[in-house]
Amino acid sequence: MSDEQTIETPAPSELELLRAEVRAGFAEVRAGFAEVRAGFAATASAAGVAAEFEGVTAEFNAVRAEIAAEGEKSRRHMDVLVERVESHVKLVAEVNSHHATVLNNHENRLQKIEKRA
């Protein structure tokens, strides 16, 4: 073939470039899905699932222990508060009793004075 007979390769059309770009994008997506499937396969084994459940169970047990400890702490705190309230109520009852006695004494004196008069 001579120089005059050389066939020039036409430049790729815009559609062909777009197709190539889409194909490359789909190849990347397929590779990503392959990675995800491999990850699922690794954790989906019986041993992997059992290990996950053991971890979750350990976490739940830790949370339960923490809740129990907080419950005990709250119970002790409430016991202290109840003791304080009880002591204050006793004090109020004693003061009320004393005032009632004093008031009775005054009432008795007034009655004696009224009888004399």
C-alpha atoms as a PDB file:
ATOM      1  CA  MET A   1       0.000   0.000   0.000  1.00  0.00           C
ATOM      2  CA  SER A   2       1.260   3.368  -0.884  1.00  0.00           C
ATOM      3  CA  ASP A   3       0.957   6.548   1.081  1.00  0.00           C
ATOM      4  CA  GLU A   4      -2.005   7.582  -0.951  1.00  0.00           C
ATOM      5  CA  GLN A   5      -3.853   4.422  -0.162  1.00  0.00           C
ATOM      6  CA  THR A   6      -3.419   4.586   3.627  1.00  0.00           C
ATOM      7  CA  ILE A   7      -6.696   4.374   5.365  1.00  0.00           C
ATOM      8  CA  GLU A   8      -7.048   6.676   8.276  1.00  0.00           C
ATOM      9  CA  THR A   9      -8.725   5.288  11.293  1.00  0.00           C
ATOM     10  CA  PRO A  10     -11.653   7.471  12.108  1.00  0.00           C
ATOM     11  CA  ALA A  11     -11.641   9.156  15.475  1.00  0.00           C
ATOM     12  CA  PRO A  12     -13.951   7.461  17.933  1.00  0.00           C
ATOM     13  CA  SER A  13     -17.344   9.027  18.016  1.00  0.00           C
ATOM     14  CA  GLU A  14     -18.750  10.602  21.136  1.00  0.00           C
ATOM     15  CA  LEU A  15     -21.109   7.641  21.545  1.00  0.00           C
ATOM     16  CA  GLU A  16     -18.216   5.174  21.415  1.00  0.00           C
ATOM     17  CA  LEU A  17     -16.321   7.189  24.049  1.00  0.00           C
ATOM     18  CA  LEU A  18     -19.404   7.234  26.261  1.00  0.00           C
ATOM     19  CA  ARG A  19     -19.842   3.473  25.872  1.00  0.00           C
ATOM     20  CA  ALA A  20     -16.235   2.888  26.873  1.00  0.00           C
ATOM     21  CA  GLU A  21     -16.662   5.107  29.919  1.00  0.00           C
ATOM     22  CA  VAL A  22     -19.849   3.305  30.990  1.00  0.00           C
ATOM     23  CA  ARG A  23     -18.208  -0.098  30.520  1.00  0.00           C
ATOM     24  CA  ALA A  24     -15.256   0.994  32.681  1.00  0.00           C
ATOM     25  CA  GLY A  25     -17.660   2.250  35.340  1.00  0.00           C
ATOM     26  CA  PHE A  26     -19.564  -1.030  35.368  1.00  0.00           C
ATOM     27  CA  ALA A  27     -16.293  -2.924  35.668  1.00  0.00           C
ATOM     28  CA  GLU A  28     -15.484  -0.906  38.799  1.00  0.00           C
ATOM     29  CA  VAL A  29     -18.952  -1.595  40.228  1.00  0.00           C
ATOM     30  CA  ARG A  30     -18.558  -5.334  39.554  1.00  0.00           C
ATOM     31  CA  ALA A  31     -15.192  -5.290  41.323  1.00  0.00           C
ATOM     32  CA  GLY A  32     -16.759  -3.492  44.291  1.00  0.00           C
ATOM     33  CA  PHE A  33     -19.554  -6.045  44.507  1.00  0.00           C
ATOM     34  CA  ALA A  34     -16.998  -8.843  44.366  1.00  0.00           C
ATOM     35  CA  GLU A  35     -15.263  -7.303  47.398  1.00  0.00           C
ATOM     36  CA  VAL A  36     -18.566  -7.019  49.259  1.00  0.00           C
ATOM     37  CA  ARG A  37     -19.478 -10.627  48.436  1.00  0.00           C
ATOM     38  CA  ALA A  38     -16.079 -11.773  49.678  1.00  0.00           C
ATOM     39  CA  GLY A  39     -16.598  -9.849  52.914  1.00  0.00           C
ATOM     40  CA  PHE A  40     -20.026 -11.388  53.393  1.00  0.00           C
ATOM     41  CA  ALA A  41     -18.669 -14.838  52.674  1.00  0.00           C
ATOM     42  CA  ALA A  42     -15.973 -14.370  55.299  1.00  0.00           C
ATOM     43  CA  THR A  43     -18.378 -13.261  58.015  1.00  0.00           C
ATOM     44  CA  ALA A  44     -21.289 -15.428  56.955  1.00  0.00           C
ATOM     45  CA  SER A  45     -19.535 -18.621  57.881  1.00  0.00           C
ATOM     46  CA  ALA A  46     -20.915 -20.409  60.926  1.00  0.00           C
ATOM     47  CA  ALA A  47     -17.807 -19.591  62.919  1.00  0.00           C
ATOM     48  CA  GLY A  48     -18.010 -15.937  61.912  1.00  0.00           C
ATOM     49  CA  VAL A  49     -21.655 -15.674  62.889  1.00  0.00           C
ATOM     50  CA  ALA A  50     -21.022 -17.473  66.168  1.00  0.00           C
ATOM     51  CA  ALA A  51     -18.145 -15.097  66.931  1.00  0.00           C
ATOM     52  CA  GLU A  52     -20.378 -12.093  66.190  1.00  0.00           C
ATOM     53  CA  PHE A  53     -23.077 -13.422  68.515  1.00  0.00           C
ATOM     54  CA  GLU A  54     -20.516 -14.065  71.242  1.00  0.00           C
ATOM     55  CA  GLY A  55     -19.370 -10.472  70.943  1.00  0.00           C
ATOM     56  CA  VAL A  56     -22.932  -9.168  71.066  1.00  0.00           C
ATOM     57  CA  THR A  57     -23.744 -11.439  74.016  1.00  0.00           C
ATOM     58  CA  ALA A  58     -20.672 -10.212  75.885  1.00  0.00           C
ATOM     59  CA  GLU A  59     -21.724  -6.605  75.242  1.00  0.00           C
ATOM     60  CA  PHE A  60     -25.258  -7.279  76.482  1.00  0.00           C
ATOM     61  CA  ASN A  61     -23.900  -8.958  79.610  1.00  0.00           C
ATOM     62  CA  ALA A  62     -21.653  -5.967  80.257  1.00  0.00           C
ATOM     63  CA  VAL A  63     -24.597  -3.596  79.848  1.00  0.00           C
ATOM     64  CA  ARG A  64     -26.735  -5.730  82.163  1.00  0.00           C
ATOM     65  CA  ALA A  65     -23.988  -5.702  84.797  1.00  0.00           C
ATOM     66  CA  GLU A  66     -23.692  -1.930  84.472  1.00  0.00           C
ATOM     67  CA  ILE A  67     -27.458  -1.525  84.814  1.00  0.00           C
ATOM     68  CA  ALA A  68     -27.470  -3.771  87.893  1.00  0.00           C
ATOM     69  CA  ALA A  69     -24.637  -1.755  89.447  1.00  0.00           C
ATOM     70  CA  GLU A  70     -26.443   1.523  88.735  1.00  0.00           C
ATOM     71  CA  GLY A  71     -29.640   0.047  90.168  1.00  0.00           C
ATOM     72  CA  GLU A  72     -27.827  -0.885  93.379  1.00  0.00           C
ATOM     73  CA  LYS A  73     -26.257   2.568  93.564  1.00  0.00           C
ATOM     74  CA  SER A  74     -29.656   4.225  93.040  1.00  0.00           C
ATOM     75  CA  ARG A  75     -31.214   1.980  95.691  1.00  0.00           C
ATOM     76  CA  ARG A  76     -28.538   2.960  98.242  1.00  0.00           C
ATOM     77  CA  HIS A  77     -29.022   6.633  97.381  1.00  0.00           C
ATOM     78  CA  MET A  78     -32.787   6.333  97.817  1.00  0.00           C
ATOM     79  CA  ASP A  79     -32.287   4.543 101.158  1.00  0.00           C
ATOM     80  CA  VAL A  80     -30.193   7.482 102.385  1.00  0.00           C
ATOM     81  CA  LEU A  81     -32.816   9.956 101.168  1.00  0.00           C
ATOM     82  CA  VAL A  82     -35.615   8.008 102.869  1.00  0.00           C
ATOM     83  CA  GLU A  83     -33.665   7.943 106.144  1.00  0.00           C
ATOM     84  CA  ARG A  84     -33.204  11.707 105.947  1.00  0.00           C
ATOM     85  CA  VAL A  85     -36.877  12.287 105.240  1.00  0.00           C
ATOM     86  CA  GLU A  86     -37.853   9.957 108.088  1.00  0.00           C
ATOM     87  CA  SER A  87     -35.608  11.841 110.503  1.00  0.00           C
ATOM     88  CA  HIS A  88     -37.114  15.163 109.401  1.00  0.00           C
ATOM     89  CA  VAL A  89     -40.642  13.805 109.734  1.00  0.00           C
ATOM     90  CA  LYS A  90     -39.825  12.568 113.265  1.00  0.00           C
ATOM     91  CA  LEU A  91     -38.460  15.989 114.146  1.00  0.00           C
ATOM     92  CA  VAL A  92     -41.622  17.688 112.857  1.00  0.00           C
ATOM     93  CA  ALA A  93     -43.778  15.195 114.810  1.00  0.00           C
ATOM     94  CA  GLU A  94     -41.794  15.848 118.020  1.00  0.00           C
ATOM     95  CA  VAL A  95     -42.059  19.623 117.604  1.00  0.00           C
ATOM     96  CA  ASN A  96     -45.782  19.299 116.886  1.00  0.00           C
ATOM     97  CA  SER A  97     -46.215  17.137 119.980  1.00  0.00           C
ATOM     98  CA  HIS A  98     -44.313  19.674 122.098  1.00  0.00           C
ATOM     99  CA  HIS A  99     -46.426  22.535 120.771  1.00  0.00           C
ATOM    100  CA  ALA A 100     -49.587  20.547 121.480  1.00  0.00           C
ATOM    101  CA  THR A 101     -48.418  19.990 125.074  1.00  0.00           C
ATOM    102  CA  VAL A 102     -47.625  23.680 125.518  1.00  0.00           C
ATOM    103  CA  LEU A 103     -50.979  24.620 124.022  1.00  0.00           C
ATOM    104  CA  ASN A 104     -52.753  22.194 126.386  1.00  0.00           C
ATOM    105  CA  ASN A 105     -50.898  23.709 129.341  1.00  0.00           C
ATOM    106  CA  HIS A 106     -52.042  27.183 128.291  1.00  0.00           C
ATOM    107  CA  GLU A 107     -55.591  25.906 127.818  1.00  0.00           C
ATOM    108  CA  ASN A 108     -55.553  24.358 131.308  1.00  0.00           C
ATOM    109  CA  ARG A 109     -54.278  27.596 132.864  1.00  0.00           C
ATOM    110  CA  LEU A 110     -56.955  29.627 131.108  1.00  0.00           C
ATOM    111  CA  GLN A 111     -59.667  27.237 132.335  1.00  0.00           C
ATOM    112  CA  LYS A 112     -58.373  27.502 135.954  1.00  0.00           C
ATOM    113  CA  ILE A 113     -58.338  31.289 135.688  1.00  0.00           C
ATOM    114  CA  GLU A 114     -61.888  31.307 134.283  1.00  0.00           C
ATOM    115  CA  LYS A 115     -63.094  29.062 137.164  1.00  0.00           C
ATOM    116  CA  ARG A 116     -61.657  31.436 139.766  1.00  0.00           C
ATOM    117  CA  ALA A 117     -63.315  34.388 138.220  1.00  0.00           C
END
